[in-house]
Structures are given as structure tokens and as C-alpha cells.
Amino acid sequence: MNFLILIVFLFFTKLAHAEEPKIPESFRVNGEYINPQCVEQLNPWISESNSIIVQSVVLETCQNSNLAFKGKETLYQKKNTVGYHGDIDDPHDGFSYTYQMALQDNKHILSHGSTLSLYVINNKRLAFDVSKNDFKNVNILSKIAEIGFFHCFENARVIENELIINKRIYYPENSRATACDDSKTEQIKIDLSGID
């Protein structure tokens, strides 16, 4: 009987761990989740989609900066999503990213709602004050590609250099509540080999 209880316990423990993907250390700053406002700096408004306006941020200085204070003060984390709430009376004041996967060469795919984007973190030596010989090694988060906007996005995976996106079928003529058909899915394949 004790053996059966142990098997059932291990089974549910395994399920609990399978449902909670973690954000890897390679996408953190000094062990902390990357401040969502730092990631938000790299994402234009929806009306400016398919464009990159700001390409990079220095993570060590952005993480606790005045520029990104909301992301630090109202940070939340659930499974592999990190976000912040701004004004609680304004549902549009806030931002979150969902960590999707790591690729080679310290590249990472994140989703922001239905938009998938590709980022890279590089370590660089920067001059903070040349007159004082103040040079520091820092981690720079750069957005290197916006992969696209996918209504009804479910998940994605990479096989070799191909990104495979699983999504439900989208019917724009339906109401928002029924626009994504739960009974029908499709796969979209995107070649990532040309992205440096």
C-alpha cells in the first residue's frame, strides 16, 4: 500500500513539475527575472508593428532603473510568464513576456500576447565614464527579429533551424470569445537559418 501511495505521489509531483516550465538562468540578471519594462522598451506599440525602434538595453542598468521602476515594483511571475501591472484602473497599463525557448548562441524566443520575437543576450565591455577609466562588462539584451503576430497562438518549438508554431484557427468575423476555434489547429513553419 505504501508503495502505491509513493507511486501516485511521484506521478503527481512529476505532473506538477511538467506544468511549470522555468525561465532559465541564461535569461536572468544576477538570478532575477529580467524586468518586463526592460523587455517592453524593445517593443513598439501594436500600431507600429513589424518595426524595431529601440534594439538593445543594458540589463544591469535597466533592471533597477527609474526608466523601469513599474516593472520592479509590481512584478509578478506565473509559470514562464513575467509581467508588471501599472495603473490598476487601466487594463492596458502593464506588460508581460512569456518565455518560450532557448536557441543556440544565447538566443531566446519570447511571446508578448500573440507576437513572437527573437532576442539575444551578449556580454560586452562598455565605457560608462572614459574620463575615469570606468569600464564594465555588462549583458546587453537585443531584439534581433520580430517573428510575427499569430492570433490564437498555442506554443512553438524548434527543430534544427525551423520554428514550428502551433495555433488554433482564427475566425476574425466571430466575437473575441469565439474567434479562436478550439477544435481546429494548424502549424506554421518558419525558417530561422537566415537570422544572425
Protein backbone atom coordinates (compact mmCIF):
# COMPACT_ATOMS: atom_id res chain seq x y z
CA MET A 1 0.00 0.00 0.00
CA ASN A 2 2.81 2.43 0.90
CA PHE A 3 4.47 1.63 -2.41
CA LEU A 4 1.26 2.52 -4.29
CA ILE A 5 0.98 5.83 -2.41
CA LEU A 6 4.60 6.59 -3.26
CA ILE A 7 3.99 5.88 -6.97
CA VAL A 8 0.89 8.11 -7.02
CA PHE A 9 2.78 10.88 -5.18
CA LEU A 10 5.70 10.71 -7.64
CA PHE A 11 3.30 10.75 -10.59
CA PHE A 12 1.54 13.92 -9.42
CA THR A 13 4.84 15.53 -8.44
CA LYS A 14 6.09 14.85 -11.99
CA LEU A 15 2.89 16.37 -13.45
CA ALA A 16 3.24 19.47 -11.28
CA HIS A 17 6.81 19.97 -12.44
CA ALA A 18 5.87 19.36 -16.08
CA GLU A 19 3.24 22.10 -15.92
CA GLU A 20 5.66 24.73 -14.61
CA PRO A 21 8.33 25.49 -17.19
CA LYS A 22 11.07 27.64 -15.74
CA ILE A 23 12.83 30.64 -17.15
CA PRO A 24 16.47 29.56 -17.44
CA GLU A 25 19.35 31.32 -15.71
CA SER A 26 20.59 32.39 -19.15
CA PHE A 27 17.58 34.74 -19.35
CA ARG A 28 18.02 36.36 -15.94
CA VAL A 29 20.10 39.17 -14.43
CA ASN A 30 22.02 38.17 -11.30
CA GLY A 31 19.48 35.42 -10.68
CA GLU A 32 16.45 37.75 -11.02
CA TYR A 33 13.85 37.67 -13.78
CA ILE A 34 14.55 40.27 -16.43
CA ASN A 35 12.44 43.29 -15.58
CA PRO A 36 9.49 43.26 -18.02
CA GLN A 37 9.81 47.01 -18.54
CA CYS A 38 13.32 46.42 -19.92
CA VAL A 39 11.87 43.98 -22.46
CA GLU A 40 8.99 46.38 -23.12
CA GLN A 41 11.49 49.10 -24.14
CA LEU A 42 12.33 46.93 -27.15
CA ASN A 43 8.73 46.52 -28.31
CA PRO A 44 6.89 49.23 -30.24
CA TRP A 45 3.20 49.83 -29.87
CA ILE A 46 0.92 47.48 -31.81
CA SER A 47 0.18 50.32 -34.27
CA GLU A 48 3.91 50.31 -35.10
CA SER A 49 4.11 46.56 -35.61
CA ASN A 50 6.74 44.97 -37.80
CA SER A 51 9.26 47.56 -36.75
CA ILE A 52 12.14 47.76 -34.31
CA ILE A 53 12.65 51.22 -32.85
CA VAL A 54 14.88 50.51 -29.84
CA GLN A 55 17.08 47.47 -30.41
CA SER A 56 19.09 46.99 -27.19
CA VAL A 57 19.12 47.67 -23.46
CA VAL A 58 21.88 47.18 -20.90
CA LEU A 59 20.31 44.74 -18.47
CA GLU A 60 22.34 45.55 -15.35
CA THR A 61 21.46 49.25 -15.51
CA CYS A 62 17.90 48.89 -16.82
CA GLN A 63 16.91 46.25 -14.26
CA ASN A 64 16.62 48.68 -11.31
CA SER A 65 16.44 51.98 -13.18
CA ASN A 66 13.91 54.79 -12.89
CA LEU A 67 13.01 54.01 -16.51
CA ALA A 68 11.79 50.56 -15.47
CA PHE A 69 10.53 51.20 -11.92
CA LYS A 70 7.00 49.89 -12.58
CA GLY A 71 8.39 46.56 -13.70
CA LYS A 72 10.25 46.22 -10.42
CA GLU A 73 7.53 47.42 -8.04
CA THR A 74 4.57 45.46 -9.44
CA LEU A 75 6.40 42.39 -10.76
CA TYR A 76 4.54 39.12 -10.98
CA GLN A 77 5.65 35.72 -12.20
CA LYS A 78 3.47 32.76 -13.12
CA LYS A 79 4.95 29.66 -14.71
CA ASN A 80 7.11 31.05 -17.52
CA THR A 81 5.42 34.48 -17.73
CA VAL A 82 6.84 37.61 -16.10
CA GLY A 83 4.98 40.90 -16.11
CA TYR A 84 4.00 44.03 -14.26
CA HIS A 85 0.79 45.88 -13.59
CA GLY A 86 0.87 49.63 -13.91
CA ASP A 87 -2.25 51.61 -13.08
CA ILE A 88 -4.80 49.07 -11.79
CA ASP A 89 -7.61 51.20 -13.21
CA ASP A 90 -6.10 51.00 -16.70
CA PRO A 91 -6.07 47.42 -18.06
CA HIS A 92 -3.66 48.48 -20.83
CA ASP A 93 -1.03 49.80 -18.41
CA GLY A 94 1.26 46.84 -18.00
CA PHE A 95 3.34 44.39 -19.96
CA SER A 96 4.33 40.77 -19.76
CA TYR A 97 6.52 38.37 -21.64
CA THR A 98 6.28 34.60 -21.81
CA TYR A 99 9.50 32.71 -22.17
CA GLN A 100 9.12 30.18 -24.98
CA MET A 101 12.52 28.62 -25.55
CA ALA A 102 16.27 28.97 -25.77
CA LEU A 103 18.12 28.57 -29.04
CA GLN A 104 21.83 28.30 -29.76
CA ASP A 105 24.21 31.23 -29.25
CA ASN A 106 22.26 32.64 -26.29
CA LYS A 107 19.21 33.43 -28.42
CA HIS A 108 15.76 33.29 -26.85
CA ILE A 109 12.20 33.35 -28.17
CA LEU A 110 9.60 35.27 -26.16
CA SER A 111 5.95 35.90 -26.78
CA HIS A 112 4.07 39.06 -25.87
CA GLY A 113 0.45 38.12 -26.28
CA SER A 114 0.27 36.76 -29.83
CA THR A 115 3.57 38.25 -31.02
CA LEU A 116 6.72 36.13 -31.14
CA SER A 117 10.10 37.83 -31.06
CA LEU A 118 13.71 36.67 -31.08
CA TYR A 119 16.24 38.12 -28.63
CA VAL A 120 19.91 37.62 -27.89
CA ILE A 121 21.94 38.42 -24.78
CA ASN A 122 25.57 39.39 -25.40
CA ASN A 123 28.22 40.25 -22.86
CA LYS A 124 30.11 43.42 -23.78
CA ARG A 125 32.64 45.73 -22.20
CA LEU A 126 31.19 49.26 -22.12
CA ALA A 127 32.70 52.59 -21.17
CA PHE A 128 30.48 54.22 -18.57
CA ASP A 129 32.89 57.12 -17.98
CA VAL A 130 36.01 57.24 -20.12
CA SER A 131 37.50 60.17 -18.16
CA LYS A 132 37.53 57.99 -15.02
CA ASN A 133 38.54 54.83 -16.87
CA ASP A 134 35.19 53.29 -15.80
CA PHE A 135 34.68 50.23 -17.98
CA LYS A 136 32.33 47.38 -17.07
CA ASN A 137 31.32 44.07 -18.55
CA VAL A 138 27.55 44.08 -18.97
CA ASN A 139 24.82 41.94 -20.52
CA ILE A 140 23.01 43.56 -23.43
CA LEU A 141 19.56 42.32 -24.42
CA SER A 142 18.90 42.92 -28.11
CA LYS A 143 15.80 42.26 -30.14
CA ILE A 144 17.07 40.76 -33.38
CA ALA A 145 13.79 39.86 -35.05
CA GLU A 146 10.07 40.10 -34.71
CA ILE A 147 8.91 36.71 -35.90
CA GLY A 148 5.28 37.68 -36.35
CA PHE A 149 1.83 38.14 -34.89
CA PHE A 150 -0.15 34.91 -34.57
CA HIS A 151 -3.79 35.02 -33.50
CA CYS A 152 -4.72 32.08 -31.24
CA PHE A 153 -1.06 31.18 -30.57
CA GLU A 154 -0.67 27.99 -28.52
CA ASN A 155 3.03 27.05 -28.44
CA ALA A 156 6.16 26.74 -30.50
CA ARG A 157 9.18 24.50 -30.83
CA VAL A 158 12.34 24.47 -32.92
CA ILE A 159 13.60 21.52 -34.91
CA GLU A 160 17.02 22.25 -36.39
CA ASN A 161 16.59 25.76 -37.91
CA GLU A 162 12.82 25.58 -38.30
CA LEU A 163 10.38 27.22 -35.88
CA ILE A 164 7.12 25.27 -35.72
CA ILE A 165 4.19 27.28 -34.38
CA ASN A 166 1.02 25.57 -33.22
CA LYS A 167 -2.07 27.74 -33.19
CA ARG A 168 -5.81 27.41 -33.26
CA ILE A 169 -7.71 28.55 -36.35
CA TYR A 170 -8.69 32.22 -36.15
CA TYR A 171 -12.05 33.50 -37.39
CA PRO A 172 -11.94 37.32 -37.34
CA GLU A 173 -15.66 37.62 -38.11
CA ASN A 174 -16.53 35.90 -34.81
CA SER A 175 -16.72 37.61 -31.45
CA ARG A 176 -13.50 37.82 -29.47
CA ALA A 177 -14.69 34.99 -27.21
CA THR A 178 -15.21 32.57 -30.12
CA ALA A 179 -12.65 33.83 -32.64
CA CYS A 180 -10.20 31.05 -31.78
CA ASP A 181 -11.60 27.65 -32.70
CA ASP A 182 -10.63 25.12 -30.02
CA SER A 183 -11.43 22.19 -32.29
CA LYS A 184 -9.14 23.15 -35.18
CA THR A 185 -5.41 23.76 -35.12
CA GLU A 186 -2.75 24.47 -37.68
CA GLN A 187 1.02 24.53 -37.85
CA ILE A 188 3.09 27.31 -39.32
CA LYS A 189 6.74 26.64 -40.16
CA ILE A 190 9.30 29.44 -40.32
CA ASP A 191 12.92 29.09 -41.41
CA LEU A 192 15.23 30.74 -38.84
CA SER A 193 18.51 29.95 -40.63
CA GLY A 194 18.86 33.45 -42.10
CA ILE A 195 18.68 35.25 -38.74
CA ASP A 196 22.01 36.23 -37.16
